[in-house]
Protein backbone atom coordinates (compact mmCIF):
# COMPACT_ATOMS: atom_id res chain seq x y z
CA UNK A 1 -22.60 1.44 -0.68
CA UNK A 2 -19.33 -0.34 -0.05
CA UNK A 3 -17.08 1.94 2.01
CA UNK A 4 -13.55 1.97 0.61
CA UNK A 5 -10.89 1.10 3.19
CA UNK A 6 -7.55 0.98 1.38
CA UNK A 7 -6.24 2.80 -0.39
CA UNK A 8 -8.28 5.80 0.64
CA UNK A 9 -9.76 8.12 -1.97
CA UNK A 10 -7.11 10.48 -3.31
CA UNK A 11 -4.26 8.46 -1.80
CA UNK A 12 -0.84 9.19 -3.21
CA UNK A 13 2.42 7.31 -2.85
CA UNK A 14 0.59 4.00 -2.94
CA UNK A 15 2.91 0.96 -3.26
CA UNK A 16 2.94 -0.47 -6.78
CA UNK A 17 1.96 -3.84 -5.31
CA UNK A 18 -1.22 -2.85 -3.51
CA UNK A 19 -4.49 -4.47 -2.55
CA UNK A 20 -7.87 -2.78 -2.71
CA UNK A 21 -10.22 -3.43 0.19
CA UNK A 22 -13.66 -2.27 1.22
CA UNK A 23 -16.16 -2.74 4.02
CA UNK A 24 -18.76 -5.40 3.32
CA UNK A 25 -22.31 -4.24 2.68
CA UNK A 26 -24.83 -6.02 4.87
CA UNK A 27 -27.25 -6.91 2.06
CA UNK A 28 -24.67 -7.46 -0.69
CA UNK A 29 -24.87 -10.73 -2.56
CA UNK A 30 -21.83 -9.84 -4.68
CA UNK A 31 -19.51 -7.03 -5.78
CA UNK A 32 -18.35 -5.75 -9.16
CA UNK A 33 -14.87 -4.24 -9.16
CA UNK A 34 -13.88 -1.52 -11.61
CA UNK A 35 -10.20 -0.62 -11.76
CA UNK A 36 -7.88 1.09 -14.21
CA UNK A 37 -6.68 4.37 -15.62
CA UNK A 38 -9.98 4.88 -17.44
CA UNK A 39 -12.10 2.78 -15.05
CA UNK A 40 -12.80 -0.57 -16.67
CA UNK A 41 -14.48 -3.64 -15.26
CA UNK A 42 -11.90 -5.92 -13.67
CA UNK A 43 -14.05 -8.59 -12.06
CA UNK A 44 -17.74 -9.18 -11.56
CA UNK A 45 -19.84 -11.16 -9.12
CA UNK A 46 -17.23 -11.72 -6.41
CA UNK A 47 -18.10 -12.22 -2.75
CA UNK A 48 -14.61 -11.10 -1.68
CA UNK A 49 -13.97 -7.70 -0.10
CA UNK A 50 -10.36 -7.48 -1.35
CA UNK A 51 -8.82 -7.34 -4.81
CA UNK A 52 -5.20 -7.32 -5.98
CA UNK A 53 -4.96 -5.59 -9.37
CA UNK A 54 -1.36 -6.65 -9.98
CA UNK A 55 1.66 -4.38 -10.31
CA UNK A 56 0.78 -0.71 -10.84
CA UNK A 57 2.82 1.70 -12.94
CA UNK A 58 4.78 4.50 -11.28
CA UNK A 59 3.44 8.01 -11.73
CA UNK A 60 0.05 6.81 -13.01
CA UNK A 61 -3.31 7.75 -11.52
CA UNK A 62 -5.80 4.91 -11.19
CA UNK A 63 -9.50 4.96 -10.44
CA UNK A 64 -11.47 2.28 -8.72
CA UNK A 65 -15.09 1.67 -7.91
CA UNK A 66 -16.91 -1.05 -6.04
CA UNK A 67 -20.52 -1.79 -6.90
CA UNK A 68 -22.44 -3.94 -4.45
CA UNK A 69 -25.41 -5.93 -5.68
CA UNK A 70 -28.13 -7.27 -3.45
CA UNK A 71 -30.24 -10.37 -4.14
CA UNK A 72 -32.63 -8.28 -6.26
CA UNK A 73 -29.73 -7.10 -8.45
CA UNK A 74 -29.88 -3.48 -7.29
CA UNK A 75 -26.46 -1.86 -7.52
CA UNK A 76 -24.84 0.95 -5.55
CA UNK A 77 -21.31 2.21 -6.17
CA UNK A 78 -18.43 3.80 -4.29
CA UNK A 79 -15.53 5.55 -6.03
CA UNK A 80 -11.85 6.03 -5.26
CA UNK A 81 -8.73 7.49 -6.85
CA UNK A 82 -5.14 6.46 -6.10
CA UNK A 83 -1.65 7.07 -7.45
CA UNK A 84 1.48 4.99 -6.81
CA UNK A 85 4.54 6.73 -5.45
CA UNK A 86 7.21 7.83 -7.87
CA UNK A 87 10.46 5.93 -7.37
CA UNK A 88 13.31 7.96 -5.95
CA UNK A 89 16.20 8.79 -8.23
CA UNK A 90 19.51 8.39 -6.49
CA UNK A 91 22.03 11.12 -7.20
CA UNK A 92 24.76 10.05 -9.59
CA UNK A 93 28.13 9.48 -8.08
CA UNK A 94 30.73 12.15 -8.86
CA UNK A 95 34.32 11.08 -9.40
């Protein structure tokens, strides 16, 4: 299985511009990346071990999974959950 590096499983206060990364699997020919609020396929058949999903929404929980495939097409998966930080609300100025 691909070991998730960043963000770690259950991470909170993740920057809205984040990159997913995982440890390479020694026999992996490619990876399928699942990412979203309901876990949908984002990209398939990549050799990369990083993925930038774009800008995330504040206060939203995302799930991600990396499936590694070897030359025979056998797949193993690793799961993660992350949530971006909520922006701070500055106190209104009192006059």
